[in-house]
């Protein structure tokens, strides 16, 4: 499983997809589930055995703070929604490992619950 918050452009998701492509070409029985907030993920040509879940978008507000991009919800509500979606994906996909891009605990620590769950159940 791969997490890429990708709230601030395309660089992170491009890097993660390149890593995923290398892993998939190296490990024949590997499947990867990417969880990302990138609104552009569907635009990329995705390799076989890779799929994704798109979580609600965040971005930087006018003053640089993290803000909700599209939904009319508070940042705390949206981070909770993202966190819950990531946890449910991990619980159902049952990954052997999780690769986290750039922010070890996710934006606003949204990965903490998932990481605790995976540590206990992997």
PDB file of N, CA and C in Angstrom:
ATOM      1  N   UNK A   1       0.860  -1.171   0.000  1.00  0.00           N
ATOM      2  CA  UNK A   1       0.000   0.000   0.000  1.00  0.00           C
ATOM      3  C   UNK A   1       0.904   1.230   0.000  1.00  0.00           C
ATOM      4  N   UNK A   2       0.496   2.244  -0.724  1.00  0.00           N
ATOM      5  CA  UNK A   2       1.267   3.474  -0.841  1.00  0.00           C
ATOM      6  C   UNK A   2       0.370   4.650  -0.467  1.00  0.00           C
ATOM      7  N   UNK A   3       0.896   5.528   0.377  1.00  0.00           N
ATOM      8  CA  UNK A   3       0.203   6.762   0.753  1.00  0.00           C
ATOM      9  C   UNK A   3       0.980   7.942   0.196  1.00  0.00           C
ATOM     10  N   UNK A   4       0.290   8.795  -0.534  1.00  0.00           N
ATOM     11  CA  UNK A   4       0.883  10.035  -1.026  1.00  0.00           C
ATOM     12  C   UNK A   4      -0.150  11.139  -0.851  1.00  0.00           C
ATOM     13  N   UNK A   5       0.050  11.993   0.139  1.00  0.00           N
ATOM     14  CA  UNK A   5      -0.943  13.036   0.417  1.00  0.00           C
ATOM     15  C   UNK A   5      -1.178  13.904  -0.808  1.00  0.00           C
ATOM     16  N   UNK A   6      -0.118  14.266  -1.502  1.00  0.00           N
ATOM     17  CA  UNK A   6      -0.133  15.025  -2.756  1.00  0.00           C
ATOM     18  C   UNK A   6      -1.117  16.182  -2.767  1.00  0.00           C
ATOM     19  N   UNK A   7      -1.036  16.999  -1.737  1.00  0.00           N
ATOM     20  CA  UNK A   7      -1.909  18.164  -1.656  1.00  0.00           C
ATOM     21  C   UNK A   7      -1.320  19.390  -2.341  1.00  0.00           C
ATOM     22  N   UNK A   8      -0.052  19.343  -2.738  1.00  0.00           N
ATOM     23  CA  UNK A   8       0.621  20.559  -3.176  1.00  0.00           C
ATOM     24  C   UNK A   8       1.270  20.437  -4.544  1.00  0.00           C
ATOM     25  N   UNK A   9       0.697  19.704  -5.467  1.00  0.00           N
ATOM     26  CA  UNK A   9       1.280  19.601  -6.802  1.00  0.00           C
ATOM     27  C   UNK A   9       1.386  18.165  -7.257  1.00  0.00           C
ATOM     28  N   UNK A  10       2.103  17.948  -8.353  1.00  0.00           N
ATOM     29  CA  UNK A  10       2.182  16.619  -8.958  1.00  0.00           C
ATOM     30  C   UNK A  10       3.494  15.895  -8.691  1.00  0.00           C
ATOM     31  N   UNK A  11       4.480  16.564  -8.134  1.00  0.00           N
ATOM     32  CA  UNK A  11       5.794  15.951  -7.949  1.00  0.00           C
ATOM     33  C   UNK A  11       5.783  14.711  -7.086  1.00  0.00           C
ATOM     34  N   UNK A  12       5.071  14.766  -5.968  1.00  0.00           N
ATOM     35  CA  UNK A  12       5.038  13.618  -5.057  1.00  0.00           C
ATOM     36  C   UNK A  12       4.411  12.397  -5.718  1.00  0.00           C
ATOM     37  N   UNK A  13       3.277  12.585  -6.366  1.00  0.00           N
ATOM     38  CA  UNK A  13       2.591  11.437  -6.957  1.00  0.00           C
ATOM     39  C   UNK A  13       3.390  10.875  -8.132  1.00  0.00           C
ATOM     40  N   UNK A  14       4.033  11.713  -8.891  1.00  0.00           N
ATOM     41  CA  UNK A  14       4.890  11.212  -9.982  1.00  0.00           C
ATOM     42  C   UNK A  14       6.015  10.353  -9.425  1.00  0.00           C
ATOM     43  N   UNK A  15       6.659  10.828  -8.364  1.00  0.00           N
ATOM     44  CA  UNK A  15       7.745  10.073  -7.741  1.00  0.00           C
ATOM     45  C   UNK A  15       7.234   8.730  -7.215  1.00  0.00           C
ATOM     46  N   UNK A  16       6.100   8.751  -6.541  1.00  0.00           N
ATOM     47  CA  UNK A  16       5.567   7.511  -5.973  1.00  0.00           C
ATOM     48  C   UNK A  16       5.169   6.531  -7.072  1.00  0.00           C
ATOM     49  N   UNK A  17       4.595   7.016  -8.150  1.00  0.00           N
ATOM     50  CA  UNK A  17       4.230   6.120  -9.251  1.00  0.00           C
ATOM     51  C   UNK A  17       5.463   5.513  -9.905  1.00  0.00           C
ATOM     52  N   UNK A  18       6.537   6.267 -10.003  1.00  0.00           N
ATOM     53  CA  UNK A  18       7.789   5.728 -10.547  1.00  0.00           C
ATOM     54  C   UNK A  18       8.324   4.615  -9.650  1.00  0.00           C
ATOM     55  N   UNK A  19       8.279   4.834  -8.348  1.00  0.00           N
ATOM     56  CA  UNK A  19       8.705   3.798  -7.398  1.00  0.00           C
ATOM     57  C   UNK A  19       7.804   2.573  -7.525  1.00  0.00           C
ATOM     58  N   UNK A  20       6.501   2.790  -7.613  1.00  0.00           N
ATOM     59  CA  UNK A  20       5.552   1.676  -7.765  1.00  0.00           C
ATOM     60  C   UNK A  20       5.831   0.882  -9.038  1.00  0.00           C
ATOM     61  N   UNK A  21       6.072   1.569 -10.132  1.00  0.00           N
ATOM     62  CA  UNK A  21       6.364   0.884 -11.396  1.00  0.00           C
ATOM     63  C   UNK A  21       7.605   0.016 -11.264  1.00  0.00           C
ATOM     64  N   UNK A  22       8.627   0.517 -10.604  1.00  0.00           N
ATOM     65  CA  UNK A  22       9.843  -0.275 -10.399  1.00  0.00           C
ATOM     66  C   UNK A  22       9.544  -1.508  -9.541  1.00  0.00           C
ATOM     67  N   UNK A  23       8.811  -1.316  -8.457  1.00  0.00           N
ATOM     68  CA  UNK A  23       8.476  -2.456  -7.593  1.00  0.00           C
ATOM     69  C   UNK A  23       7.654  -3.497  -8.345  1.00  0.00           C
ATOM     70  N   UNK A  24       6.681  -3.043  -9.117  1.00  0.00           N
ATOM     71  CA  UNK A  24       5.833  -3.969  -9.868  1.00  0.00           C
ATOM     72  C   UNK A  24       6.619  -4.727 -10.933  1.00  0.00           C
ATOM     73  N   UNK A  25       7.597  -4.082 -11.540  1.00  0.00           N
ATOM     74  CA  UNK A  25       8.407  -4.775 -12.546  1.00  0.00           C
ATOM     75  C   UNK A  25       9.399  -5.741 -11.904  1.00  0.00           C
ATOM     76  N   UNK A  26       9.695  -5.538 -10.631  1.00  0.00           N
ATOM     77  CA  UNK A  26      10.668  -6.382  -9.927  1.00  0.00           C
ATOM     78  C   UNK A  26      10.034  -7.549  -9.176  1.00  0.00           C
ATOM     79  N   UNK A  27       8.763  -7.403  -8.791  1.00  0.00           N
ATOM     80  CA  UNK A  27       8.094  -8.413  -7.963  1.00  0.00           C
ATOM     81  C   UNK A  27       6.826  -8.851  -8.696  1.00  0.00           C
ATOM     82  N   UNK A  28       6.845 -10.055  -9.242  1.00  0.00           N
ATOM     83  CA  UNK A  28       5.776 -10.483 -10.156  1.00  0.00           C
ATOM     84  C   UNK A  28       4.415 -10.676  -9.496  1.00  0.00           C
ATOM     85  N   UNK A  29       4.369 -11.005  -8.218  1.00  0.00           N
ATOM     86  CA  UNK A  29       3.070 -11.245  -7.576  1.00  0.00           C
ATOM     87  C   UNK A  29       2.632 -10.074  -6.692  1.00  0.00           C
ATOM     88  N   UNK A  30       3.168  -8.902  -6.937  1.00  0.00           N
ATOM     89  CA  UNK A  30       2.860  -7.714  -6.147  1.00  0.00           C
ATOM     90  C   UNK A  30       1.648  -6.980  -6.713  1.00  0.00           C
ATOM     91  N   UNK A  31       0.779  -6.535  -5.819  1.00  0.00           N
ATOM     92  CA  UNK A  31      -0.300  -5.606  -6.154  1.00  0.00           C
ATOM     93  C   UNK A  31      -0.142  -4.401  -5.242  1.00  0.00           C
ATOM     94  N   UNK A  32      -0.376  -3.226  -5.778  1.00  0.00           N
ATOM     95  CA  UNK A  32      -0.214  -2.004  -4.994  1.00  0.00           C
ATOM     96  C   UNK A  32      -1.514  -1.209  -5.024  1.00  0.00           C
ATOM     97  N   UNK A  33      -1.936  -0.781  -3.842  1.00  0.00           N
ATOM     98  CA  UNK A  33      -3.063   0.131  -3.704  1.00  0.00           C
ATOM     99  C   UNK A  33      -2.497   1.475  -3.263  1.00  0.00           C
ATOM    100  N   UNK A  34      -2.715   2.499  -4.065  1.00  0.00           N
ATOM    101  CA  UNK A  34      -2.266   3.853  -3.750  1.00  0.00           C
ATOM    102  C   UNK A  34      -3.441   4.610  -3.143  1.00  0.00           C
ATOM    103  N   UNK A  35      -3.187   5.306  -2.049  1.00  0.00           N
ATOM    104  CA  UNK A  35      -4.181   6.189  -1.443  1.00  0.00           C
ATOM    105  C   UNK A  35      -3.618   7.602  -1.542  1.00  0.00           C
ATOM    106  N   UNK A  36      -4.368   8.473  -2.207  1.00  0.00           N
ATOM    107  CA  UNK A  36      -3.840   9.810  -2.472  1.00  0.00           C
ATOM    108  C   UNK A  36      -4.959  10.838  -2.553  1.00  0.00           C
ATOM    109  N   UNK A  37      -4.602  12.062  -2.236  1.00  0.00           N
ATOM    110  CA  UNK A  37      -5.519  13.180  -2.396  1.00  0.00           C
ATOM    111  C   UNK A  37      -5.332  13.908  -3.711  1.00  0.00           C
ATOM    112  N   UNK A  38      -4.522  13.369  -4.594  1.00  0.00           N
ATOM    113  CA  UNK A  38      -4.255  14.042  -5.862  1.00  0.00           C
ATOM    114  C   UNK A  38      -5.497  14.057  -6.750  1.00  0.00           C
ATOM    115  N   UNK A  39      -5.933  15.239  -7.184  1.00  0.00           N
ATOM    116  CA  UNK A  39      -7.068  15.296  -8.100  1.00  0.00           C
ATOM    117  C   UNK A  39      -6.685  14.898  -9.527  1.00  0.00           C
ATOM    118  N   UNK A  40      -5.401  14.664  -9.772  1.00  0.00           N
ATOM    119  CA  UNK A  40      -4.921  14.340 -11.116  1.00  0.00           C
ATOM    120  C   UNK A  40      -4.512  12.884 -11.280  1.00  0.00           C
ATOM    121  N   UNK A  41      -4.642  12.091 -10.252  1.00  0.00           N
ATOM    122  CA  UNK A  41      -4.159  10.711 -10.304  1.00  0.00           C
ATOM    123  C   UNK A  41      -4.778   9.924 -11.456  1.00  0.00           C
ATOM    124  N   UNK A  42      -6.051  10.151 -11.735  1.00  0.00           N
ATOM    125  CA  UNK A  42      -6.709   9.411 -12.816  1.00  0.00           C
ATOM    126  C   UNK A  42      -6.146   9.777 -14.182  1.00  0.00           C
ATOM    127  N   UNK A  43      -5.412  10.872 -14.287  1.00  0.00           N
ATOM    128  CA  UNK A  43      -4.830  11.302 -15.564  1.00  0.00           C
ATOM    129  C   UNK A  43      -3.577  10.524 -15.945  1.00  0.00           C
ATOM    130  N   UNK A  44      -2.968   9.858 -14.971  1.00  0.00           N
ATOM    131  CA  UNK A  44      -1.740   9.122 -15.234  1.00  0.00           C
ATOM    132  C   UNK A  44      -2.046   7.755 -15.825  1.00  0.00           C
ATOM    133  N   UNK A  45      -1.142   7.277 -16.659  1.00  0.00           N
ATOM    134  CA  UNK A  45      -1.241   5.911 -17.167  1.00  0.00           C
ATOM    135  C   UNK A  45      -0.743   5.003 -16.046  1.00  0.00           C
ATOM    136  N   UNK A  46      -1.638   4.217 -15.495  1.00  0.00           N
ATOM    137  CA  UNK A  46      -1.288   3.371 -14.359  1.00  0.00           C
ATOM    138  C   UNK A  46      -0.902   1.979 -14.840  1.00  0.00           C
ATOM    139  N   UNK A  47       0.123   1.414 -14.237  1.00  0.00           N
ATOM    140  CA  UNK A  47       0.568   0.085 -14.653  1.00  0.00           C
ATOM    141  C   UNK A  47      -0.398  -0.996 -14.175  1.00  0.00           C
ATOM    142  N   UNK A  48      -0.359  -2.164 -14.810  1.00  0.00           N
ATOM    143  CA  UNK A  48      -1.152  -3.296 -14.319  1.00  0.00           C
ATOM    144  C   UNK A  48      -0.778  -3.606 -12.868  1.00  0.00           C
ATOM    145  N   UNK A  49      -1.749  -4.098 -12.117  1.00  0.00           N
ATOM    146  CA  UNK A  49      -1.583  -4.507 -10.719  1.00  0.00           C
ATOM    147  C   UNK A  49      -1.461  -3.320  -9.763  1.00  0.00           C
ATOM    148  N   UNK A  50      -1.819  -2.132 -10.236  1.00  0.00           N
ATOM    149  CA  UNK A  50      -1.852  -0.948  -9.384  1.00  0.00           C
ATOM    150  C   UNK A  50      -3.222  -0.309  -9.520  1.00  0.00           C
ATOM    151  N   UNK A  51      -3.812  -0.001  -8.377  1.00  0.00           N
ATOM    152  CA  UNK A  51      -5.076   0.724  -8.374  1.00  0.00           C
ATOM    153  C   UNK A  51      -4.978   1.798  -7.300  1.00  0.00           C
ATOM    154  N   UNK A  52      -5.994   2.648  -7.227  1.00  0.00           N
ATOM    155  CA  UNK A  52      -5.910   3.748  -6.272  1.00  0.00           C
ATOM    156  C   UNK A  52      -7.265   4.081  -5.672  1.00  0.00           C
ATOM    157  N   UNK A  53      -7.188   4.714  -4.518  1.00  0.00           N
ATOM    158  CA  UNK A  53      -8.344   5.312  -3.862  1.00  0.00           C
ATOM    159  C   UNK A  53      -8.042   6.797  -3.743  1.00  0.00           C
ATOM    160  N   UNK A  54      -8.938   7.612  -4.223  1.00  0.00           N
ATOM    161  CA  UNK A  54      -8.781   9.061  -4.171  1.00  0.00           C
ATOM    162  C   UNK A  54      -9.518   9.571  -2.935  1.00  0.00           C
ATOM    163  N   UNK A  55      -8.788  10.215  -2.038  1.00  0.00           N
ATOM    164  CA  UNK A  55      -9.385  10.792  -0.838  1.00  0.00           C
ATOM    165  C   UNK A  55      -9.591  12.293  -1.052  1.00  0.00           C
ATOM    166  N   UNK A  56     -10.453  12.931  -0.243  1.00  0.00           N
ATOM    167  CA  UNK A  56     -10.733  14.356  -0.446  1.00  0.00           C
ATOM    168  C   UNK A  56      -9.459  15.217  -0.474  1.00  0.00           C
ATOM    169  N   UNK A  57      -9.478  16.206  -1.338  1.00  0.00           N
ATOM    170  CA  UNK A  57      -8.308  17.068  -1.568  1.00  0.00           C
ATOM    171  C   UNK A  57      -8.114  18.099  -0.460  1.00  0.00           C
ATOM    172  N   UNK A  58      -6.855  18.310  -0.158  1.00  0.00           N
ATOM    173  CA  UNK A  58      -6.422  19.425   0.680  1.00  0.00           C
ATOM    174  C   UNK A  58      -5.454  20.247  -0.150  1.00  0.00           C
ATOM    175  N   UNK A  59      -5.263  21.485   0.230  1.00  0.00           N
ATOM    176  CA  UNK A  59      -4.228  22.304  -0.403  1.00  0.00           C
ATOM    177  C   UNK A  59      -3.779  23.368   0.579  1.00  0.00           C
ATOM    178  N   UNK A  60      -2.907  24.230   0.139  1.00  0.00           N
ATOM    179  CA  UNK A  60      -2.481  25.347   0.985  1.00  0.00           C
ATOM    180  C   UNK A  60      -3.426  26.521   0.748  1.00  0.00           C
ATOM    181  N   UNK A  61      -3.892  27.090   1.848  1.00  0.00           N
ATOM    182  CA  UNK A  61      -4.728  28.279   1.746  1.00  0.00           C
ATOM    183  C   UNK A  61      -3.897  29.499   1.384  1.00  0.00           C
ATOM    184  N   UNK A  62      -4.533  30.644   1.324  1.00  0.00           N
ATOM    185  CA  UNK A  62      -3.861  31.886   0.917  1.00  0.00           C
ATOM    186  C   UNK A  62      -2.716  32.270   1.848  1.00  0.00           C
ATOM    187  N   UNK A  63      -2.816  31.891   3.105  1.00  0.00           N
ATOM    188  CA  UNK A  63      -1.757  32.239   4.065  1.00  0.00           C
ATOM    189  C   UNK A  63      -0.802  31.077   4.313  1.00  0.00           C
ATOM    190  N   UNK A  64      -0.927  30.004   3.524  1.00  0.00           N
ATOM    191  CA  UNK A  64      -0.010  28.872   3.650  1.00  0.00           C
ATOM    192  C   UNK A  64      -0.502  27.745   4.531  1.00  0.00           C
ATOM    193  N   UNK A  65      -1.618  27.945   5.207  1.00  0.00           N
ATOM    194  CA  UNK A  65      -2.157  26.884   6.060  1.00  0.00           C
ATOM    195  C   UNK A  65      -2.823  25.812   5.206  1.00  0.00           C
ATOM    196  N   UNK A  66      -2.908  24.607   5.749  1.00  0.00           N
ATOM    197  CA  UNK A  66      -3.582  23.516   5.040  1.00  0.00           C
ATOM    198  C   UNK A  66      -5.081  23.770   5.095  1.00  0.00           C
ATOM    199  N   UNK A  67      -5.744  23.644   3.944  1.00  0.00           N
ATOM    200  CA  UNK A  67      -7.168  23.929   3.831  1.00  0.00           C
ATOM    201  C   UNK A  67      -7.845  22.859   2.985  1.00  0.00           C
ATOM    202  N   UNK A  68      -9.154  22.777   3.112  1.00  0.00           N
ATOM    203  CA  UNK A  68      -9.954  21.871   2.291  1.00  0.00           C
ATOM    204  C   UNK A  68     -10.084  22.500   0.907  1.00  0.00           C
ATOM    205  N   UNK A  69      -9.836  21.699  -0.121  1.00  0.00           N
ATOM    206  CA  UNK A  69      -9.819  22.253  -1.482  1.00  0.00           C
ATOM    207  C   UNK A  69     -11.215  22.376  -2.097  1.00  0.00           C
ATOM    208  N   UNK A  70     -12.028  21.336  -2.028  1.00  0.00           N
ATOM    209  CA  UNK A  70     -13.309  21.350  -2.738  1.00  0.00           C
ATOM    210  C   UNK A  70     -14.537  21.264  -1.826  1.00  0.00           C
ATOM    211  N   UNK A  71     -14.484  20.442  -0.809  1.00  0.00           N
ATOM    212  CA  UNK A  71     -15.650  20.231   0.041  1.00  0.00           C
ATOM    213  C   UNK A  71     -15.910  21.447   0.928  1.00  0.00           C
ATOM    214  N   UNK A  72     -17.142  21.648   1.266  1.00  0.00           N
ATOM    215  CA  UNK A  72     -17.517  22.725   2.186  1.00  0.00           C
ATOM    216  C   UNK A  72     -17.545  22.175   3.611  1.00  0.00           C
ATOM    217  N   UNK A  73     -16.405  21.658   4.050  1.00  0.00           N
ATOM    218  CA  UNK A  73     -16.283  21.087   5.390  1.00  0.00           C
ATOM    219  C   UNK A  73     -15.092  21.722   6.089  1.00  0.00           C
ATOM    220  N   UNK A  74     -15.078  21.607   7.396  1.00  0.00           N
ATOM    221  CA  UNK A  74     -13.954  22.107   8.189  1.00  0.00           C
ATOM    222  C   UNK A  74     -12.744  21.213   7.970  1.00  0.00           C
ATOM    223  N   UNK A  75     -11.559  21.756   8.177  1.00  0.00           N
ATOM    224  CA  UNK A  75     -10.340  20.982   7.976  1.00  0.00           C
ATOM    225  C   UNK A  75     -10.305  19.758   8.894  1.00  0.00           C
ATOM    226  N   UNK A  76     -10.710  19.914  10.144  1.00  0.00           N
ATOM    227  CA  UNK A  76     -10.711  18.781  11.076  1.00  0.00           C
ATOM    228  C   UNK A  76     -11.625  17.653  10.620  1.00  0.00           C
ATOM    229  N   UNK A  77     -12.808  18.006  10.129  1.00  0.00           N
ATOM    230  CA  UNK A  77     -13.751  17.005   9.617  1.00  0.00           C
ATOM    231  C   UNK A  77     -13.176  16.283   8.403  1.00  0.00           C
ATOM    232  N   UNK A  78     -12.545  17.031   7.534  1.00  0.00           N
ATOM    233  CA  UNK A  78     -11.999  16.447   6.309  1.00  0.00           C
ATOM    234  C   UNK A  78     -10.810  15.551   6.608  1.00  0.00           C
ATOM    235  N   UNK A  79      -9.951  15.972   7.519  1.00  0.00           N
ATOM    236  CA  UNK A  79      -8.817  15.128   7.911  1.00  0.00           C
ATOM    237  C   UNK A  79      -9.328  13.847   8.565  1.00  0.00           C
ATOM    238  N   UNK A  80     -10.372  13.944   9.385  1.00  0.00           N
ATOM    239  CA  UNK A  80     -10.966  12.749  10.007  1.00  0.00           C
ATOM    240  C   UNK A  80     -11.531  11.823   8.935  1.00  0.00           C
ATOM    241  N   UNK A  81     -12.230  12.371   7.955  1.00  0.00           N
ATOM    242  CA  UNK A  81     -12.764  11.571   6.853  1.00  0.00           C
ATOM    243  C   UNK A  81     -11.632  10.879   6.102  1.00  0.00           C
ATOM    244  N   UNK A  82     -10.586  11.623   5.759  1.00  0.00           N
ATOM    245  CA  UNK A  82      -9.440  11.044   5.061  1.00  0.00           C
ATOM    246  C   UNK A  82      -8.819   9.931   5.897  1.00  0.00           C
ATOM    247  N   UNK A  83      -8.628  10.190   7.178  1.00  0.00           N
ATOM    248  CA  UNK A  83      -8.031   9.204   8.074  1.00  0.00           C
ATOM    249  C   UNK A  83      -8.867   7.927   8.129  1.00  0.00           C
ATOM    250  N   UNK A  84     -10.180   8.082   8.243  1.00  0.00           N
ATOM    251  CA  UNK A  84     -11.077   6.920   8.288  1.00  0.00           C
ATOM    252  C   UNK A  84     -11.032   6.130   6.980  1.00  0.00           C
ATOM    253  N   UNK A  85     -10.997   6.824   5.856  1.00  0.00           N
ATOM    254  CA  UNK A  85     -10.931   6.145   4.559  1.00  0.00           C
ATOM    255  C   UNK A  85      -9.619   5.375   4.403  1.00  0.00           C
ATOM    256  N   UNK A  86      -8.523   5.980   4.839  1.00  0.00           N
ATOM    257  CA  UNK A  86      -7.222   5.309   4.765  1.00  0.00           C
ATOM    258  C   UNK A  86      -7.224   4.065   5.644  1.00  0.00           C
ATOM    259  N   UNK A  87      -7.757   4.183   6.853  1.00  0.00           N
ATOM    260  CA  UNK A  87      -7.822   3.032   7.761  1.00  0.00           C
ATOM    261  C   UNK A  87      -8.664   1.910   7.163  1.00  0.00           C
ATOM    262  N   UNK A  88      -9.827   2.231   6.627  1.00  0.00           N
ATOM    263  CA  UNK A  88     -10.687   1.202   6.034  1.00  0.00           C
ATOM    264  C   UNK A  88     -10.004   0.531   4.846  1.00  0.00           C
ATOM    265  N   UNK A  89      -9.300   1.309   4.054  1.00  0.00           N
ATOM    266  CA  UNK A  89      -8.564   0.733   2.925  1.00  0.00           C
ATOM    267  C   UNK A  89      -7.515  -0.249   3.428  1.00  0.00           C
ATOM    268  N   UNK A  90      -6.773   0.133   4.448  1.00  0.00           N
ATOM    269  CA  UNK A  90      -5.732  -0.743   4.995  1.00  0.00           C
ATOM    270  C   UNK A  90      -6.332  -1.997   5.624  1.00  0.00           C
ATOM    271  N   UNK A  91      -7.423  -1.841   6.346  1.00  0.00           N
ATOM    272  CA  UNK A  91      -8.060  -2.996   6.989  1.00  0.00           C
ATOM    273  C   UNK A  91      -8.546  -4.009   5.957  1.00  0.00           C
ATOM    274  N   UNK A  92      -9.058  -3.531   4.850  1.00  0.00           N
ATOM    275  CA  UNK A  92      -9.605  -4.428   3.833  1.00  0.00           C
ATOM    276  C   UNK A  92      -8.562  -4.930   2.842  1.00  0.00           C
ATOM    277  N   UNK A  93      -7.596  -4.105   2.482  1.00  0.00           N
ATOM    278  CA  UNK A  93      -6.555  -4.502   1.540  1.00  0.00           C
ATOM    279  C   UNK A  93      -5.514  -5.405   2.200  1.00  0.00           C
ATOM    280  N   UNK A  94      -5.309  -5.215   3.492  1.00  0.00           N
ATOM    281  CA  UNK A  94      -4.360  -6.020   4.278  1.00  0.00           C
ATOM    282  C   UNK A  94      -2.958  -6.013   3.661  1.00  0.00           C
ATOM    283  N   UNK A  95      -2.335  -4.843   3.579  1.00  0.00           N
ATOM    284  CA  UNK A  95      -1.015  -4.764   2.942  1.00  0.00           C
ATOM    285  C   UNK A  95       0.065  -5.434   3.784  1.00  0.00           C
ATOM    286  N   UNK A  96       1.090  -5.919   3.114  1.00  0.00           N
ATOM    287  CA  UNK A  96       2.263  -6.444   3.812  1.00  0.00           C
ATOM    288  C   UNK A  96       3.154  -5.305   4.285  1.00  0.00           C
ATOM    289  N   UNK A  97       3.070  -4.167   3.623  1.00  0.00           N
ATOM    290  CA  UNK A  97       3.880  -2.997   3.969  1.00  0.00           C
ATOM    291  C   UNK A  97       3.157  -1.750   3.485  1.00  0.00           C
ATOM    292  N   UNK A  98       3.536  -0.627   4.064  1.00  0.00           N
ATOM    293  CA  UNK A  98       3.005   0.655   3.602  1.00  0.00           C
ATOM    294  C   UNK A  98       4.183   1.582   3.329  1.00  0.00           C
ATOM    295  N   UNK A  99       4.149   2.189   2.164  1.00  0.00           N
ATOM    296  CA  UNK A  99       5.163   3.151   1.759  1.00  0.00           C
ATOM    297  C   UNK A  99       4.529   4.533   1.872  1.00  0.00           C
ATOM    298  N   UNK A 100       5.147   5.388   2.670  1.00  0.00           N
ATOM    299  CA  UNK A 100       4.594   6.712   2.946  1.00  0.00           C
ATOM    300  C   UNK A 100       5.506   7.768   2.340  1.00  0.00           C
ATOM    301  N   UNK A 101       4.922   8.642   1.545  1.00  0.00           N
ATOM    302  CA  UNK A 101       5.690   9.695   0.886  1.00  0.00           C
ATOM    303  C   UNK A 101       5.804  10.928   1.767  1.00  0.00           C
ATOM    304  N   UNK A 102       6.994  11.319   2.056  1.00  0.00           N
ATOM    305  CA  UNK A 102       7.361  12.620   2.612  1.00  0.00           C
ATOM    306  C   UNK A 102       6.948  12.874   4.057  1.00  0.00           C
ATOM    307  N   UNK A 103       5.724  12.666   4.418  1.00  0.00           N
ATOM    308  CA  UNK A 103       5.244  12.968   5.766  1.00  0.00           C
ATOM    309  C   UNK A 103       4.924  11.651   6.471  1.00  0.00           C
ATOM    310  N   UNK A 104       5.800  11.205   7.385  1.00  0.00           N
ATOM    311  CA  UNK A 104       5.667   9.870   7.984  1.00  0.00           C
ATOM    312  C   UNK A 104       4.315   9.590   8.644  1.00  0.00           C
ATOM    313  N   UNK A 105       3.684  10.611   9.206  1.00  0.00           N
ATOM    314  CA  UNK A 105       2.389  10.412   9.849  1.00  0.00           C
ATOM    315  C   UNK A 105       1.242  11.007   9.040  1.00  0.00           C
ATOM    316  N   UNK A 106       1.524  11.414   7.806  1.00  0.00           N
ATOM    317  CA  UNK A 106       0.506  12.004   6.952  1.00  0.00           C
ATOM    318  C   UNK A 106       0.272  13.469   7.284  1.00  0.00           C
ATOM    319  N   UNK A 107      -0.533  14.101   6.466  1.00  0.00           N
ATOM    320  CA  UNK A 107      -0.908  15.496   6.731  1.00  0.00           C
ATOM    321  C   UNK A 107      -1.747  15.528   7.997  1.00  0.00           C
ATOM    322  N   UNK A 108      -1.368  16.408   8.907  1.00  0.00           N
ATOM    323  CA  UNK A 108      -2.091  16.565  10.176  1.00  0.00           C
ATOM    324  C   UNK A 108      -2.260  15.225  10.895  1.00  0.00           C
ATOM    325  N   UNK A 109      -1.255  14.364  10.770  1.00  0.00           N
ATOM    326  CA  UNK A 109      -1.223  13.062  11.458  1.00  0.00           C
ATOM    327  C   UNK A 109      -2.359  12.127  11.055  1.00  0.00           C
ATOM    328  N   UNK A 110      -2.857  12.255   9.837  1.00  0.00           N
ATOM    329  CA  UNK A 110      -3.991  11.441   9.414  1.00  0.00           C
ATOM    330  C   UNK A 110      -3.661   9.955   9.275  1.00  0.00           C
ATOM    331  N   UNK A 111      -2.387   9.588   9.288  1.00  0.00           N
ATOM    332  CA  UNK A 111      -1.996   8.176   9.163  1.00  0.00           C
ATOM    333  C   UNK A 111      -1.797   7.471  10.499  1.00  0.00           C
ATOM    334  N   UNK A 112      -1.801   8.202  11.593  1.00  0.00           N
ATOM    335  CA  UNK A 112      -1.447   7.611  12.889  1.00  0.00           C
ATOM    336  C   UNK A 112      -2.318   6.403  13.219  1.00  0.00           C
ATOM    337  N   UNK A 113      -3.619   6.520  13.086  1.00  0.00           N
ATOM    338  CA  UNK A 113      -4.522   5.409  13.406  1.00  0.00           C
ATOM    339  C   UNK A 113      -4.241   4.206  12.520  1.00  0.00           C
ATOM    340  N   UNK A 114      -4.024   4.436  11.242  1.00  0.00           N
ATOM    341  CA  UNK A 114      -3.724   3.345  10.310  1.00  0.00           C
ATOM    342  C   UNK A 114      -2.398   2.688  10.652  1.00  0.00           C
ATOM    343  N   UNK A 115      -1.391   3.478  10.946  1.00  0.00           N
ATOM    344  CA  UNK A 115      -0.080   2.913  11.284  1.00  0.00           C
ATOM    345  C   UNK A 115      -0.144   2.084  12.562  1.00  0.00           C
ATOM    346  N   UNK A 116      -0.896   2.550  13.556  1.00  0.00           N
ATOM    347  CA  UNK A 116      -1.069   1.771  14.794  1.00  0.00           C
ATOM    348  C   UNK A 116      -1.784   0.459  14.499  1.00  0.00           C
ATOM    349  N   UNK A 117      -2.822   0.521  13.672  1.00  0.00           N
ATOM    350  CA  UNK A 117      -3.550  -0.693  13.301  1.00  0.00           C
ATOM    351  C   UNK A 117      -2.625  -1.677  12.589  1.00  0.00           C
ATOM    352  N   UNK A 118      -1.878  -1.194  11.613  1.00  0.00           N
ATOM    353  CA  UNK A 118      -0.994  -2.080  10.850  1.00  0.00           C
ATOM    354  C   UNK A 118       0.112  -2.655  11.728  1.00  0.00           C
ATOM    355  N   UNK A 119       0.638  -1.868  12.636  1.00  0.00           N
ATOM    356  CA  UNK A 119       1.677  -2.367  13.540  1.00  0.00           C
ATOM    357  C   UNK A 119       1.134  -3.518  14.386  1.00  0.00           C
ATOM    358  N   UNK A 120      -0.091  -3.390  14.819  1.00  0.00           N
ATOM    359  CA  UNK A 120      -0.707  -4.420  15.666  1.00  0.00           C
ATOM    360  C   UNK A 120      -1.093  -5.664  14.866  1.00  0.00           C
ATOM    361  N   UNK A 121      -1.503  -5.488  13.611  1.00  0.00           N
ATOM    362  CA  UNK A 121      -2.080  -6.600  12.851  1.00  0.00           C
ATOM    363  C   UNK A 121      -1.208  -7.148  11.727  1.00  0.00           C
ATOM    364  N   UNK A 122      -0.073  -6.537  11.441  1.00  0.00           N
ATOM    365  CA  UNK A 122       0.797  -7.076  10.381  1.00  0.00           C
ATOM    366  C   UNK A 122       1.633  -8.218  10.909  1.00  0.00           C
TER     367      UNK A 122
END
